[in-house]
Amino acid sequence: MTKQFASQGDMTEKQVSFTEVGRDLWAFTAEGDPNSGVIIGDDSVMVVEAQATPRLAAKVIEKIREVTDKPITHLALTHYHAVRVLGASAYGADQVIMGATARAMVVERGQQDWDSEFQRFPRLFEGHESIPGLTWPTTTFTAGMSVFLGNRRVDLMHLGRAHTAGDIVIHVPDENVMFTGDIVEYHSACYCGDGHFGDWGTTLDAIKAFDVDAIAPGRGDALVGRDMVEAAIESTRAFVESTYRPAARVAARGGTLKEAWDAVREACDPKFADYAIYEHCLPFNVARAYDEAQGIDTPRIWTAERDRELWEQLQG
């Protein structure tokens, strides 16, 4: 490799924030690192997103214990990526919930994703030796399901493909707050390496139709108020479209992946270069956009070896 992945050199500790986004609803955020959400019901707690390791999950639990002593009974995982799910064992939840498609993706590519992400972003795997293995759900669903934490209803839904084929969102109707996973980001680059560019905008429209009062996004600050929600949805849309269109134009004329990389950089650098994890995401985003533009509907599986080959190709 001519140089390391951008994220391999990112060893700076991030400042954690714990923001109330509705009554007894919290967003755990960390300056562009993966977020988690907390839903406190009458007698128990649901956590959204596990973090990458049990040690990192303990930081979420520490914040939860500052606001409630109720047991954590449910863990909802919006998709299968290692940085979201491998800390699950720390919570001791009775139910671990995923969409059925996400579970199938753990079967198909979970170990490869773990190996790949660990190589790309070592800081996010603090305490990786404590991970007991792949995270498997105890409960899955196809279109939607509801969980009752006492009288508080929590709706889990698959609204469409976006960041992955199996993304789900979690909506708490009594406060009209949504936890979107990586479908929506705020001042953070979207990771599109396993994404579906052609569907992402439609899925954003489905989220937008809920007209929510707050969102806990996948990365970036909590979005409180409809103006901030709208801004984040539209900036996410702009990021996805600005990545795909230049790559698709290059693919349509038979250009190379390196040419697609150059075209995406030209379009995106002026607008998004200051976003969190922008440089980390870019090679994987360009590769996936180039593939999708050539008609490859199912994202190819990333492996540690494929990561290195891609990086050498783009940097060479």
Protein backbone atom coordinates (compact mmCIF):
# COMPACT_ATOMS: atom_id res chain seq x y z
CA MET A 1 0.00 0.00 0.00
CA THR A 2 1.25 3.46 -0.80
CA LYS A 3 -0.39 4.80 2.34
CA GLN A 4 -2.73 3.55 5.06
CA PHE A 5 -6.51 3.90 5.09
CA ALA A 6 -7.53 7.29 6.43
CA SER A 7 -9.24 5.63 9.38
CA GLN A 8 -6.20 3.57 10.37
CA GLY A 9 -4.51 6.77 11.46
CA ASP A 10 -7.55 8.12 13.29
CA MET A 11 -6.71 7.42 16.93
CA THR A 12 -8.18 10.57 18.49
CA GLU A 13 -10.60 9.97 21.36
CA LYS A 14 -14.02 11.49 20.61
CA GLN A 15 -16.12 13.55 23.02
CA VAL A 16 -19.32 11.74 24.01
CA SER A 17 -22.67 13.54 24.26
CA PHE A 18 -25.88 12.16 25.72
CA THR A 19 -28.83 14.18 24.49
CA GLU A 20 -32.51 13.83 25.36
CA VAL A 21 -34.42 13.85 22.04
CA GLY A 22 -37.86 13.27 23.58
CA ARG A 23 -39.34 12.23 26.90
CA ASP A 24 -37.14 9.37 28.16
CA LEU A 25 -35.50 9.06 24.73
CA TRP A 26 -31.76 9.62 24.42
CA ALA A 27 -29.07 9.79 21.74
CA PHE A 28 -25.52 8.69 22.57
CA THR A 29 -23.27 10.50 20.08
CA ALA A 30 -19.51 10.88 19.73
CA GLU A 31 -18.39 13.38 17.09
CA GLY A 32 -19.01 11.17 14.08
CA ASP A 33 -18.32 7.81 15.70
CA PRO A 34 -21.24 5.32 15.67
CA ASN A 35 -24.24 6.49 17.69
CA SER A 36 -26.53 4.50 19.97
CA GLY A 37 -30.07 5.26 21.10
CA VAL A 38 -31.90 4.67 24.38
CA ILE A 39 -35.65 4.18 24.80
CA ILE A 40 -36.86 4.09 28.40
CA GLY A 41 -40.24 2.48 28.95
CA ASP A 42 -42.38 2.08 32.04
CA ASP A 43 -40.39 -0.81 33.41
CA SER A 44 -37.50 -1.50 31.05
CA VAL A 45 -35.12 -0.10 28.45
CA MET A 46 -34.45 -0.72 24.75
CA VAL A 47 -31.04 0.18 23.35
CA VAL A 48 -30.63 0.89 19.64
CA GLU A 49 -27.19 -0.12 18.26
CA ALA A 50 -24.74 -2.07 20.37
CA GLN A 51 -21.36 -0.43 19.50
CA ALA A 52 -18.42 -2.47 18.20
CA THR A 53 -17.22 -4.12 21.40
CA PRO A 54 -18.48 -4.85 24.90
CA ARG A 55 -15.99 -2.34 26.29
CA LEU A 56 -17.42 0.44 24.12
CA ALA A 57 -20.95 -0.71 24.97
CA ALA A 58 -20.08 -0.15 28.62
CA LYS A 59 -19.76 3.57 27.87
CA VAL A 60 -23.35 3.59 26.64
CA ILE A 61 -24.50 1.66 29.72
CA GLU A 62 -22.70 4.15 31.96
CA LYS A 63 -24.73 6.98 30.42
CA ILE A 64 -27.96 5.00 30.73
CA ARG A 65 -27.33 4.48 34.44
CA GLU A 66 -27.09 8.24 34.90
CA VAL A 67 -30.78 8.56 33.95
CA THR A 68 -32.45 5.24 34.88
CA ASP A 69 -31.90 2.05 36.83
CA LYS A 70 -34.47 0.08 34.81
CA PRO A 71 -33.20 -3.16 33.26
CA ILE A 72 -32.08 -3.27 29.64
CA THR A 73 -34.37 -5.92 28.18
CA HIS A 74 -34.26 -5.19 24.43
CA LEU A 75 -31.49 -4.42 21.95
CA ALA A 76 -32.48 -3.33 18.44
CA LEU A 77 -29.84 -3.46 15.69
CA THR A 78 -30.61 -1.45 12.56
CA HIS A 79 -28.29 -3.49 10.32
CA TYR A 80 -25.50 -6.05 10.41
CA HIS A 81 -22.26 -4.01 10.34
CA ALA A 82 -19.66 -5.04 12.90
CA VAL A 83 -19.26 -1.57 14.43
CA ARG A 84 -22.97 -1.63 15.26
CA VAL A 85 -23.49 -5.12 16.61
CA LEU A 86 -20.44 -6.81 18.13
CA GLY A 87 -20.82 -5.17 21.54
CA ALA A 88 -24.23 -6.79 22.05
CA SER A 89 -23.20 -9.19 24.81
CA ALA A 90 -22.57 -6.33 27.25
CA TYR A 91 -26.26 -5.44 27.57
CA GLY A 92 -27.59 -8.81 28.70
CA ALA A 93 -30.82 -8.10 26.80
CA ASP A 94 -33.58 -10.69 26.73
CA GLN A 95 -34.34 -9.88 23.10
CA VAL A 96 -31.90 -8.92 20.36
CA ILE A 97 -33.91 -7.72 17.36
CA MET A 98 -32.86 -7.41 13.71
CA GLY A 99 -34.67 -7.33 10.43
CA ALA A 100 -34.74 -10.73 8.73
CA THR A 101 -32.65 -9.44 5.83
CA ALA A 102 -29.98 -8.17 8.21
CA ARG A 103 -29.77 -11.57 9.87
CA ALA A 104 -29.34 -13.20 6.47
CA MET A 105 -26.48 -10.80 5.82
CA VAL A 106 -24.77 -11.88 9.04
CA VAL A 107 -24.95 -15.44 7.70
CA GLU A 108 -23.68 -14.41 4.27
CA ARG A 109 -20.97 -11.87 5.15
CA GLY A 110 -20.83 -11.19 8.88
CA GLN A 111 -17.37 -12.61 9.52
CA GLN A 112 -15.88 -10.97 6.44
CA ASP A 113 -17.36 -7.63 7.50
CA TRP A 114 -15.89 -7.99 10.98
CA ASP A 115 -12.42 -8.76 9.58
CA SER A 116 -12.68 -5.91 7.08
CA GLU A 117 -13.90 -3.27 9.53
CA PHE A 118 -11.36 -4.25 12.17
CA GLN A 119 -8.55 -3.68 9.66
CA ARG A 120 -9.99 -0.38 8.41
CA PHE A 121 -10.84 1.31 11.71
CA PRO A 122 -8.92 -0.14 14.67
CA ARG A 123 -9.88 2.61 17.15
CA LEU A 124 -13.55 1.59 16.98
CA PHE A 125 -12.66 -1.88 18.21
CA GLU A 126 -11.26 -0.92 21.62
CA GLY A 127 -11.38 -4.06 23.75
CA HIS A 128 -11.96 -6.31 20.73
CA GLU A 129 -10.62 -9.30 22.64
CA SER A 130 -13.86 -9.28 24.68
CA ILE A 131 -16.12 -9.87 21.65
CA PRO A 132 -17.54 -13.39 22.09
CA GLY A 133 -18.31 -13.91 18.39
CA LEU A 134 -20.80 -12.83 15.75
CA THR A 135 -24.00 -11.27 17.09
CA TRP A 136 -27.16 -13.24 16.31
CA PRO A 137 -30.68 -11.90 16.88
CA THR A 138 -33.20 -13.73 19.02
CA THR A 139 -36.07 -12.06 17.12
CA THR A 140 -36.45 -11.04 13.47
CA PHE A 141 -39.19 -9.56 11.32
CA THR A 142 -39.78 -8.78 7.66
CA ALA A 143 -41.84 -5.59 7.32
CA GLY A 144 -42.51 -4.42 10.86
CA MET A 145 -43.19 -5.30 14.48
CA SER A 146 -44.05 -3.52 17.72
CA VAL A 147 -42.55 -3.93 21.16
CA PHE A 148 -44.27 -2.70 24.30
CA LEU A 149 -42.08 -1.44 27.13
CA GLY A 150 -44.98 -1.31 29.55
CA ASN A 151 -47.42 1.12 27.92
CA ARG A 152 -44.79 2.65 25.64
CA ARG A 153 -45.08 1.26 22.11
CA VAL A 154 -41.97 1.05 19.96
CA ASP A 155 -42.42 0.36 16.24
CA LEU A 156 -39.61 -1.29 14.28
CA MET A 157 -39.89 -1.10 10.48
CA HIS A 158 -38.07 -1.88 7.27
CA LEU A 159 -38.86 1.10 5.02
CA GLY A 160 -36.54 0.21 2.15
CA ARG A 161 -32.95 -0.35 1.13
CA ALA A 162 -30.39 2.39 1.72
CA HIS A 163 -27.16 2.01 3.73
CA THR A 164 -27.66 -1.77 3.41
CA ALA A 165 -30.39 -4.02 2.04
CA GLY A 166 -31.63 -4.78 5.56
CA ASP A 167 -31.84 -1.39 7.28
CA ILE A 168 -34.58 -0.88 9.85
CA VAL A 169 -35.75 2.22 11.70
CA ILE A 170 -37.25 2.50 15.17
CA HIS A 171 -40.12 4.94 15.79
CA VAL A 172 -41.55 5.92 19.17
CA PRO A 173 -45.00 7.32 18.34
CA ASP A 174 -45.85 8.90 21.70
CA GLU A 175 -42.99 11.38 21.20
CA ASN A 176 -42.76 11.13 17.37
CA VAL A 177 -39.03 10.39 17.52
CA MET A 178 -37.13 8.08 15.18
CA PHE A 179 -33.84 6.21 15.37
CA THR A 180 -32.68 5.80 11.78
CA GLY A 181 -29.35 4.05 11.94
CA ASP A 182 -27.07 4.99 9.06
CA ILE A 183 -29.88 5.83 6.65
CA VAL A 184 -29.59 9.41 7.95
CA GLU A 185 -26.32 11.09 9.00
CA TYR A 186 -25.52 14.60 10.20
CA HIS A 187 -22.27 16.27 9.15
CA SER A 188 -20.84 12.81 8.71
CA ALA A 189 -20.16 10.99 5.47
CA CYS A 190 -22.51 8.17 4.54
CA TYR A 191 -20.76 4.83 4.24
CA CYS A 192 -22.15 3.47 0.97
CA GLY A 193 -19.91 0.45 0.43
CA ASP A 194 -22.84 -1.93 1.03
CA GLY A 195 -25.49 0.55 -0.06
CA HIS A 196 -28.22 0.88 -2.65
CA PHE A 197 -27.92 4.31 -4.23
CA GLY A 198 -31.01 3.92 -6.39
CA ASP A 199 -33.24 3.16 -3.39
CA TRP A 200 -31.73 5.44 -0.77
CA GLY A 201 -33.69 8.55 -1.75
CA THR A 202 -37.01 6.71 -1.69
CA THR A 203 -36.23 5.39 1.77
CA LEU A 204 -35.40 8.91 2.93
CA ASP A 205 -38.78 10.00 1.55
CA ALA A 206 -40.46 7.28 3.63
CA ILE A 207 -38.73 8.59 6.76
CA LYS A 208 -39.61 12.15 5.84
CA ALA A 209 -43.30 11.21 5.57
CA PHE A 210 -43.38 10.54 9.34
CA ASP A 211 -42.71 14.25 9.91
CA VAL A 212 -40.87 13.42 13.12
CA ASP A 213 -39.93 15.92 15.80
CA ALA A 214 -36.46 14.45 16.36
CA ILE A 215 -34.07 11.86 14.96
CA ALA A 216 -31.14 10.06 16.50
CA PRO A 217 -29.05 9.51 13.33
CA GLY A 218 -26.41 6.90 12.71
CA ARG A 219 -23.56 9.37 13.11
CA GLY A 220 -23.38 13.02 14.08
CA ASP A 221 -25.34 15.19 16.47
CA ALA A 222 -28.85 14.42 17.68
CA LEU A 223 -31.43 16.12 15.44
CA VAL A 224 -33.92 17.97 17.61
CA GLY A 225 -36.63 19.98 15.89
CA ARG A 226 -38.12 19.63 12.45
CA ASP A 227 -35.76 22.13 10.83
CA MET A 228 -32.72 20.14 11.91
CA VAL A 229 -34.39 16.86 10.87
CA GLU A 230 -35.16 18.28 7.42
CA ALA A 231 -31.62 19.61 7.00
CA ALA A 232 -30.08 16.24 7.87
CA ILE A 233 -32.36 14.27 5.55
CA GLU A 234 -31.61 16.59 2.66
CA SER A 235 -27.87 16.74 3.28
CA THR A 236 -27.83 12.92 3.39
CA ARG A 237 -29.71 12.87 0.09
CA ALA A 238 -27.25 15.34 -1.43
CA PHE A 239 -24.27 13.27 -0.29
CA VAL A 240 -25.65 10.06 -1.78
CA GLU A 241 -26.59 11.68 -5.08
CA SER A 242 -23.32 13.61 -5.35
CA THR A 243 -21.42 10.34 -4.92
CA TYR A 244 -23.42 8.24 -7.35
CA ARG A 245 -23.93 10.57 -10.30
CA PRO A 246 -20.27 11.21 -11.20
CA ALA A 247 -19.39 7.52 -10.81
CA ALA A 248 -22.37 6.53 -12.98
CA ARG A 249 -21.34 8.93 -15.73
CA VAL A 250 -17.85 7.43 -15.80
CA ALA A 251 -19.21 3.88 -15.82
CA ALA A 252 -21.64 4.72 -18.65
CA ARG A 253 -18.80 5.76 -20.96
CA GLY A 254 -16.68 2.75 -20.04
CA GLY A 255 -14.27 4.66 -17.83
CA THR A 256 -12.13 3.11 -15.12
CA LEU A 257 -12.70 2.92 -11.38
CA LYS A 258 -9.81 5.35 -10.88
CA GLU A 259 -11.56 7.81 -13.21
CA ALA A 260 -14.74 7.39 -11.17
CA TRP A 261 -12.74 8.11 -8.02
CA ASP A 262 -11.38 11.31 -9.52
CA ALA A 263 -14.85 12.39 -10.69
CA VAL A 264 -16.46 11.76 -7.30
CA ARG A 265 -13.68 13.65 -5.54
CA GLU A 266 -14.19 16.60 -7.85
CA ALA A 267 -17.92 16.66 -7.08
CA CYS A 268 -17.81 15.87 -3.37
CA ASP A 269 -14.62 17.36 -1.95
CA PRO A 270 -15.83 20.97 -2.10
CA LYS A 271 -19.08 20.09 -0.31
CA PHE A 272 -18.24 17.28 2.08
CA ALA A 273 -14.49 17.12 2.74
CA ASP A 274 -14.99 18.40 6.31
CA TYR A 275 -17.55 15.70 7.16
CA ALA A 276 -16.56 13.07 9.72
CA ILE A 277 -15.11 9.86 8.20
CA TYR A 278 -15.26 11.36 4.69
CA GLU A 279 -11.84 10.08 3.62
CA HIS A 280 -12.50 6.72 5.25
CA CYS A 281 -15.72 6.17 3.30
CA LEU A 282 -14.70 7.51 -0.08
CA PRO A 283 -12.94 4.52 -1.69
CA PHE A 284 -15.70 2.11 -0.67
CA ASN A 285 -18.41 4.53 -1.76
CA VAL A 286 -16.88 5.00 -5.20
CA ALA A 287 -16.39 1.27 -5.71
CA ARG A 288 -20.00 0.51 -4.82
CA ALA A 289 -21.37 3.38 -6.95
CA TYR A 290 -19.31 2.18 -9.91
CA ASP A 291 -20.61 -1.38 -9.45
CA GLU A 292 -24.25 -0.33 -9.09
CA ALA A 293 -23.99 1.83 -12.21
CA GLN A 294 -22.86 -1.29 -14.08
CA GLY A 295 -25.94 -3.22 -12.94
CA ILE A 296 -24.52 -5.07 -9.92
CA ASP A 297 -27.53 -4.96 -7.59
CA THR A 298 -26.17 -6.94 -4.63
CA PRO A 299 -23.07 -5.31 -3.15
CA ARG A 300 -20.01 -7.48 -3.43
CA ILE A 301 -18.70 -8.75 -0.10
CA TRP A 302 -15.89 -6.71 1.37
CA THR A 303 -12.98 -8.70 2.76
CA ALA A 304 -9.73 -7.50 4.29
CA GLU A 305 -7.95 -8.61 1.10
CA ARG A 306 -10.41 -6.83 -1.20
CA ASP A 307 -10.04 -3.66 0.89
CA ARG A 308 -6.28 -3.67 0.37
CA GLU A 309 -6.57 -4.37 -3.34
CA LEU A 310 -9.03 -1.51 -3.81
CA TRP A 311 -6.85 0.93 -1.89
CA GLU A 312 -3.76 -0.02 -3.89
CA GLN A 313 -5.70 0.39 -7.14
CA LEU A 314 -6.94 3.86 -6.23
CA GLN A 315 -3.65 5.08 -4.78
CA GLY A 316 -1.37 3.55 -7.43
